[in-house]
C-alpha atoms as a PDB file:
ATOM      1  CA  MET A   1       0.086  -2.446  10.006  1.00  0.00           C
ATOM      2  CA  ILE A   2       0.141  -1.938   6.243  1.00  0.00           C
ATOM      3  CA  ARG A   3      -2.635   0.412   5.141  1.00  0.00           C
ATOM      4  CA  LEU A   4      -3.545   3.298   2.834  1.00  0.00           C
ATOM      5  CA  ALA A   5      -2.607   6.931   3.489  1.00  0.00           C
ATOM      6  CA  ARG A   6      -4.476   9.457   1.390  1.00  0.00           C
ATOM      7  CA  VAL A   7      -2.565  12.102  -0.560  1.00  0.00           C
ATOM      8  CA  GLY A   8      -3.588  14.329  -3.436  1.00  0.00           C
ATOM      9  CA  ALA A   9      -5.863  17.307  -3.858  1.00  0.00           C
ATOM     10  CA  ARG A  10      -9.460  17.612  -2.767  1.00  0.00           C
ATOM     11  CA  LYS A  11     -11.695  15.308  -4.821  1.00  0.00           C
ATOM     12  CA  GLN A  12      -8.624  13.839  -6.533  1.00  0.00           C
ATOM     13  CA  PRO A  13      -7.538  11.052  -4.211  1.00  0.00           C
ATOM     14  CA  GLN A  14      -4.330   9.104  -4.551  1.00  0.00           C
ATOM     15  CA  TYR A  15      -3.025   6.768  -1.917  1.00  0.00           C
ATOM     16  CA  ARG A  16       0.302   5.595  -0.583  1.00  0.00           C
ATOM     17  CA  ILE A  17       0.520   2.081   0.798  1.00  0.00           C
ATOM     18  CA  VAL A  18       2.454   2.550   4.019  1.00  0.00           C
ATOM     19  CA  VAL A  19       3.800   0.556   6.931  1.00  0.00           C
ATOM     20  CA  ILE A  20       2.649   2.380  10.051  1.00  0.00           C
ATOM     21  CA  GLU A  21       1.940   1.657  13.694  1.00  0.00           C
ATOM     22  CA  LYS A  22      -1.709   0.793  14.160  1.00  0.00           C
ATOM     23  CA  ASP A  23      -2.371   3.562  16.702  1.00  0.00           C
ATOM     24  CA  ARG A  24      -1.105   6.413  14.513  1.00  0.00           C
ATOM     25  CA  ALA A  25      -3.298   8.771  12.483  1.00  0.00           C
ATOM     26  CA  ARG A  26      -4.122   7.910   8.866  1.00  0.00           C
ATOM     27  CA  ASN A  27      -1.523  10.307   7.473  1.00  0.00           C
ATOM     28  CA  GLY A  28       0.797  10.195  10.472  1.00  0.00           C
ATOM     29  CA  ARG A  29       4.492   9.391  10.381  1.00  0.00           C
ATOM     30  CA  SER A  30       4.984   6.063   8.652  1.00  0.00           C
ATOM     31  CA  LEU A  31       7.883   3.633   8.831  1.00  0.00           C
ATOM     32  CA  GLU A  32       8.077   3.007   5.093  1.00  0.00           C
ATOM     33  CA  VAL A  33       6.154   3.576   1.863  1.00  0.00           C
ATOM     34  CA  VAL A  34       5.745   0.219   0.104  1.00  0.00           C
ATOM     35  CA  GLY A  35       3.532   1.193  -2.810  1.00  0.00           C
ATOM     36  CA  THR A  36       1.038   3.525  -4.418  1.00  0.00           C
ATOM     37  CA  TYR A  37      -2.583   3.237  -5.523  1.00  0.00           C
ATOM     38  CA  ASN A  38      -4.382   5.580  -7.922  1.00  0.00           C
ATOM     39  CA  PRO A  39      -8.102   4.771  -8.288  1.00  0.00           C
ATOM     40  CA  ARG A  40      -8.648   7.634 -10.783  1.00  0.00           C
ATOM     41  CA  THR A  41      -6.950   5.916 -13.722  1.00  0.00           C
ATOM     42  CA  ASN A  42      -8.813   3.387 -15.848  1.00  0.00           C
ATOM     43  CA  PRO A  43      -8.055   0.700 -14.766  1.00  0.00           C
ATOM     44  CA  ALA A  44      -6.822   1.733 -11.322  1.00  0.00           C
ATOM     45  CA  SER A  45      -3.025   1.683 -11.122  1.00  0.00           C
ATOM     46  CA  VAL A  46      -1.258  -0.150  -8.324  1.00  0.00           C
ATOM     47  CA  ALA A  47       2.522  -0.153  -7.811  1.00  0.00           C
ATOM     48  CA  LEU A  48       3.822  -2.446  -5.069  1.00  0.00           C
ATOM     49  CA  LYS A  49       7.194  -3.303  -3.606  1.00  0.00           C
ATOM     50  CA  ARG A  50       6.379  -6.974  -3.059  1.00  0.00           C
ATOM     51  CA  ASP A  51       9.682  -7.821  -1.397  1.00  0.00           C
ATOM     52  CA  ARG A  52       9.186  -5.102   1.229  1.00  0.00           C
ATOM     53  CA  ILE A  53       5.565  -6.131   1.830  1.00  0.00           C
ATOM     54  CA  ASP A  54       6.721  -9.728   2.346  1.00  0.00           C
ATOM     55  CA  TYR A  55       9.455  -8.516   4.695  1.00  0.00           C
ATOM     56  CA  TRP A  56       7.059  -6.520   6.877  1.00  0.00           C
ATOM     57  CA  THR A  57       4.442  -9.277   6.981  1.00  0.00           C
ATOM     58  CA  SER A  58       7.169 -11.689   8.111  1.00  0.00           C
ATOM     59  CA  LYS A  59       7.899  -9.252  10.959  1.00  0.00           C
ATOM     60  CA  GLY A  60       4.234  -9.352  12.020  1.00  0.00           C
ATOM     61  CA  ALA A  61       2.632  -6.478  10.106  1.00  0.00           C
ATOM     62  CA  GLN A  62      -0.984  -7.066   9.168  1.00  0.00           C
ATOM     63  CA  LEU A  63      -2.612  -5.880   5.961  1.00  0.00           C
ATOM     64  CA  SER A  64      -5.764  -3.771   6.087  1.00  0.00           C
ATOM     65  CA  ASP A  65      -8.769  -5.186   4.233  1.00  0.00           C
ATOM     66  CA  ARG A  66      -8.363  -2.848   1.245  1.00  0.00           C
ATOM     67  CA  VAL A  67      -4.611  -3.423   0.953  1.00  0.00           C
ATOM     68  CA  GLN A  68      -5.202  -7.187   1.120  1.00  0.00           C
ATOM     69  CA  LYS A  69      -7.496  -6.899  -1.922  1.00  0.00           C
ATOM     70  CA  LEU A  70      -5.000  -4.713  -3.792  1.00  0.00           C
ATOM     71  CA  VAL A  71      -2.139  -7.130  -3.151  1.00  0.00           C
ATOM     72  CA  SER A  72      -4.162 -10.188  -4.170  1.00  0.00           C
ATOM     73  CA  ASN A  73      -5.520  -8.559  -7.363  1.00  0.00           C
ATOM     74  CA  ALA A  74      -2.273  -6.918  -8.482  1.00  0.00           C
ATOM     75  CA  PRO A  75      -0.346  -8.697 -11.240  1.00  0.00           C
ATOM     76  CA  THR A  76       2.597 -10.711  -9.949  1.00  0.00           C
ATOM     77  CA  ALA A  77       4.973  -9.565 -12.721  1.00  0.00           C
ATOM     78  CA  SER A  78       6.835  -7.348 -10.229  1.00  0.00           C
ATOM     79  CA  VAL A  79       7.681 -10.423  -8.137  1.00  0.00           C
ATOM     80  CA  SER A  80       9.824 -11.950 -10.902  1.00  0.00           C
ATOM     81  CA  ALA A  81      12.502  -9.305 -10.301  1.00  0.00           C
ATOM     82  CA  ALA A  82      12.995 -10.495  -6.729  1.00  0.00           C
END
């Protein structure tokens, strides 16, 4: 599954977008970090490794609801490098 893992100080959330087994804890050991999300900037900053997200989804990984929204709303300029 591809989902968010919270990092950062108390009341200052930042998130990593990680590939992790569905049964593991939110911040448990992940297979790979495929992006970051910082909701505290204006506008919120999202950095994605699109090629790795595509790779993992081709292997059967499912996106969480929030990550699905982040991927669909993120600009596709990073895809042109692939």
